[in-house]
């Protein structure tokens, strides 16, 4: 193949990805809303929970492997425990997002405001999205909700390679004063 043919194929692939909204290549990511990172934490009774936390000293708990299948469905798996982002079936609004050994597929909808993680199943005719739980607790949990397309539901996916190649602007300082605001 000539260079121009390779360039044309690359442009076509980019256009197809842009049109379908799938611009995330498979890889390892930090996933965040606002300045909080999706974090797995081992709770009591060897149970794992999903929280939103600032950057931690245990970066493995904040790294997620995103796989995009041929059917454009995505699975999100913790790099630390190999458990999948999931929820109890059937999903209802305000259900807490958990981790499970069973693979759960999601739809990733890309918009200018961010990426929305949607369930495949519908509740009352609508797909639910994962976002910050409305519960007033610290650290915040992740819960399902009707799509409002608000900043509390818009996720950013930052590839791990990008984090280490860029200046430390991607890394959030972990100070007690920041946790209180």
Protein backbone atom coordinates (compact mmCIF):
# COMPACT_ATOMS: atom_id res chain seq x y z
CA UNK A 1 0.00 0.00 0.00
CA UNK A 2 1.21 3.44 -0.78
CA UNK A 3 1.48 6.15 1.81
CA UNK A 4 -1.54 8.02 0.44
CA UNK A 5 -3.68 4.86 0.54
CA UNK A 6 -2.72 4.28 4.18
CA UNK A 7 -3.56 7.90 4.96
CA UNK A 8 -6.97 7.60 3.27
CA UNK A 9 -7.76 4.40 5.21
CA UNK A 10 -6.73 6.08 8.49
CA UNK A 11 -8.96 9.07 7.74
CA UNK A 12 -11.91 6.80 6.89
CA UNK A 13 -11.46 4.86 10.13
CA UNK A 14 -11.34 8.12 12.09
CA UNK A 15 -14.50 9.36 10.37
CA UNK A 16 -16.34 6.11 11.08
CA UNK A 17 -15.30 6.28 14.73
CA UNK A 18 -16.40 9.92 14.95
CA UNK A 19 -19.77 9.17 13.36
CA UNK A 20 -20.46 6.21 15.65
CA UNK A 21 -19.26 8.13 18.70
CA UNK A 22 -16.62 5.54 19.53
CA UNK A 23 -13.33 7.31 19.74
CA UNK A 24 -11.94 5.38 22.70
CA UNK A 25 -9.43 2.76 21.69
CA UNK A 26 -9.10 -0.29 23.91
CA UNK A 27 -6.64 0.38 26.70
CA UNK A 28 -5.97 1.31 30.29
CA UNK A 29 -7.62 4.53 31.52
CA UNK A 30 -8.23 6.71 34.51
CA UNK A 31 -11.95 7.48 34.40
CA UNK A 32 -13.17 10.63 36.10
CA UNK A 33 -16.00 13.07 36.63
CA UNK A 34 -14.96 16.60 37.52
CA UNK A 35 -11.81 16.12 39.65
CA UNK A 36 -12.74 12.74 41.11
CA UNK A 37 -11.47 9.43 39.78
CA UNK A 38 -13.41 6.19 39.56
CA UNK A 39 -11.81 4.11 42.30
CA UNK A 40 -12.23 0.58 43.54
CA UNK A 41 -11.90 -0.02 47.25
CA UNK A 42 -11.84 -3.33 49.04
CA UNK A 43 -14.52 -3.18 51.72
CA UNK A 44 -15.36 -5.50 54.58
CA UNK A 45 -15.98 -9.20 53.93
CA UNK A 46 -13.65 -9.08 50.91
CA UNK A 47 -16.26 -7.03 49.04
CA UNK A 48 -15.21 -4.43 46.49
CA UNK A 49 -16.99 -1.09 46.13
CA UNK A 50 -16.76 1.66 43.52
CA UNK A 51 -16.16 5.19 44.79
CA UNK A 52 -15.20 8.59 43.42
CA UNK A 53 -11.93 9.73 44.99
CA UNK A 54 -9.12 12.20 44.35
CA UNK A 55 -5.86 10.81 43.00
CA UNK A 56 -4.52 8.25 45.47
CA UNK A 57 -1.23 6.71 46.43
CA UNK A 58 -2.59 3.38 45.11
CA UNK A 59 -2.92 4.16 41.40
CA UNK A 60 -3.78 0.54 40.57
CA UNK A 61 -7.16 1.05 42.24
CA UNK A 62 -7.87 3.90 39.82
CA UNK A 63 -6.90 2.19 36.56
CA UNK A 64 -9.53 0.60 34.35
CA UNK A 65 -9.21 -1.58 31.27
CA UNK A 66 -11.76 -0.53 28.65
CA UNK A 67 -12.57 -3.11 25.97
CA UNK A 68 -14.70 -2.24 22.95
CA UNK A 69 -16.27 -5.27 21.22
CA UNK A 70 -17.14 -5.70 17.56
CA UNK A 71 -20.73 -4.85 18.46
CA UNK A 72 -19.61 -1.45 19.88
CA UNK A 73 -20.42 -2.56 23.43
CA UNK A 74 -17.83 -1.71 26.06
CA UNK A 75 -16.78 -3.49 29.21
CA UNK A 76 -14.91 -1.71 31.99
CA UNK A 77 -12.70 -3.89 34.18
CA UNK A 78 -10.57 -2.90 37.16
CA UNK A 79 -6.90 -3.38 36.43
CA UNK A 80 -6.27 -4.11 40.11
CA UNK A 81 -8.89 -6.80 40.85
CA UNK A 82 -10.02 -7.83 37.32
CA UNK A 83 -13.65 -7.26 38.38
CA UNK A 84 -16.10 -5.60 35.99
CA UNK A 85 -18.11 -2.41 36.51
CA UNK A 86 -21.65 -3.69 37.03
CA UNK A 87 -24.99 -3.33 38.83
CA UNK A 88 -27.71 -5.61 40.12
CA UNK A 89 -30.07 -6.68 37.35
CA UNK A 90 -32.51 -5.21 36.51
CA UNK A 91 -31.11 -1.72 36.95
CA UNK A 92 -33.21 1.00 38.56
CA UNK A 93 -32.54 4.71 39.05
CA UNK A 94 -30.25 5.29 42.05
CA UNK A 95 -28.97 1.70 42.03
CA UNK A 96 -25.37 1.71 43.21
CA UNK A 97 -22.80 0.65 40.62
CA UNK A 98 -20.68 -2.22 41.93
CA UNK A 99 -17.95 -4.60 40.81
CA UNK A 100 -18.66 -8.14 39.69
CA UNK A 101 -16.80 -11.16 38.36
CA UNK A 102 -19.39 -11.34 35.60
CA UNK A 103 -18.74 -9.24 32.52
CA UNK A 104 -21.23 -6.40 32.04
CA UNK A 105 -21.48 -4.54 28.76
CA UNK A 106 -22.21 -0.82 28.51
CA UNK A 107 -22.66 1.71 25.72
CA UNK A 108 -20.27 4.67 25.68
CA UNK A 109 -21.92 7.74 24.17
CA UNK A 110 -19.49 10.51 23.27
CA UNK A 111 -20.60 14.13 23.32
CA UNK A 112 -18.87 17.49 23.57
CA UNK A 113 -19.53 17.45 27.33
CA UNK A 114 -17.88 14.08 27.90
CA UNK A 115 -18.62 10.38 27.65
CA UNK A 116 -21.83 8.95 29.04
CA UNK A 117 -21.72 5.35 30.31
CA UNK A 118 -25.14 3.88 29.46
CA UNK A 119 -26.76 0.60 30.40
CA UNK A 120 -27.84 -1.71 27.58
CA UNK A 121 -31.13 -2.50 29.33
CA UNK A 122 -33.91 0.07 29.51
CA UNK A 123 -35.93 1.21 32.50
CA UNK A 124 -39.34 2.68 31.64
CA UNK A 125 -38.28 3.04 28.02
CA UNK A 126 -34.94 4.79 28.67
CA UNK A 127 -31.38 3.62 29.09
CA UNK A 128 -29.89 4.63 32.42
CA UNK A 129 -26.46 6.23 32.79
CA UNK A 130 -23.78 5.88 35.45
CA UNK A 131 -22.90 9.05 37.33
CA UNK A 132 -22.21 10.47 40.78
CA UNK A 133 -24.83 9.26 43.23
CA UNK A 134 -27.15 11.94 44.64
CA UNK A 135 -26.53 10.54 48.14
CA UNK A 136 -24.80 13.19 50.27
CA UNK A 137 -21.94 10.99 51.50
CA UNK A 138 -18.17 11.17 51.27
CA UNK A 139 -16.64 9.66 49.31
CA UNK A 140 -19.37 9.78 46.66
CA UNK A 141 -20.62 6.54 45.16
CA UNK A 142 -21.50 5.82 41.55
CA UNK A 143 -25.18 5.19 40.77
CA UNK A 144 -27.52 4.71 37.82
CA UNK A 145 -29.82 7.57 36.84
CA UNK A 146 -32.04 8.80 34.04
CA UNK A 147 -29.87 10.61 31.49
CA UNK A 148 -29.81 14.33 32.21
CA UNK A 149 -26.54 14.95 30.32
CA UNK A 150 -25.22 16.96 33.27
CA UNK A 151 -21.59 17.31 34.45
CA UNK A 152 -22.38 14.77 37.21
CA UNK A 153 -22.87 12.18 34.46
CA UNK A 154 -20.16 13.23 31.97
CA UNK A 155 -17.03 11.10 32.27
CA UNK A 156 -13.51 11.79 31.00
CA UNK A 157 -11.33 8.87 29.95
CA UNK A 158 -7.59 9.60 30.21
CA UNK A 159 -5.28 6.97 28.74
CA UNK A 160 -2.52 5.94 31.11
CA UNK A 161 0.16 6.61 28.49
CA UNK A 162 -1.15 10.18 28.17
CA UNK A 163 -0.87 10.70 31.93
CA UNK A 164 2.79 9.81 32.03
CA UNK A 165 3.71 11.71 28.85
CA UNK A 166 2.05 14.98 29.91
CA UNK A 167 3.02 17.35 32.69
CA UNK A 168 1.56 16.61 36.10
CA UNK A 169 -1.56 18.64 35.32
CA UNK A 170 -3.48 15.37 34.98
CA UNK A 171 -2.56 14.32 38.50
CA UNK A 172 -4.58 15.74 41.36
CA UNK A 173 -2.81 16.57 44.61
CA UNK A 174 -4.17 14.64 47.55
CA UNK A 175 -4.52 17.13 50.38
CA UNK A 176 -6.94 17.04 53.24
CA UNK A 177 -8.01 20.65 52.55
CA UNK A 178 -9.20 19.66 49.06
CA UNK A 179 -11.33 16.84 50.43
CA UNK A 180 -13.33 19.25 52.59
CA UNK A 181 -14.40 21.57 49.78
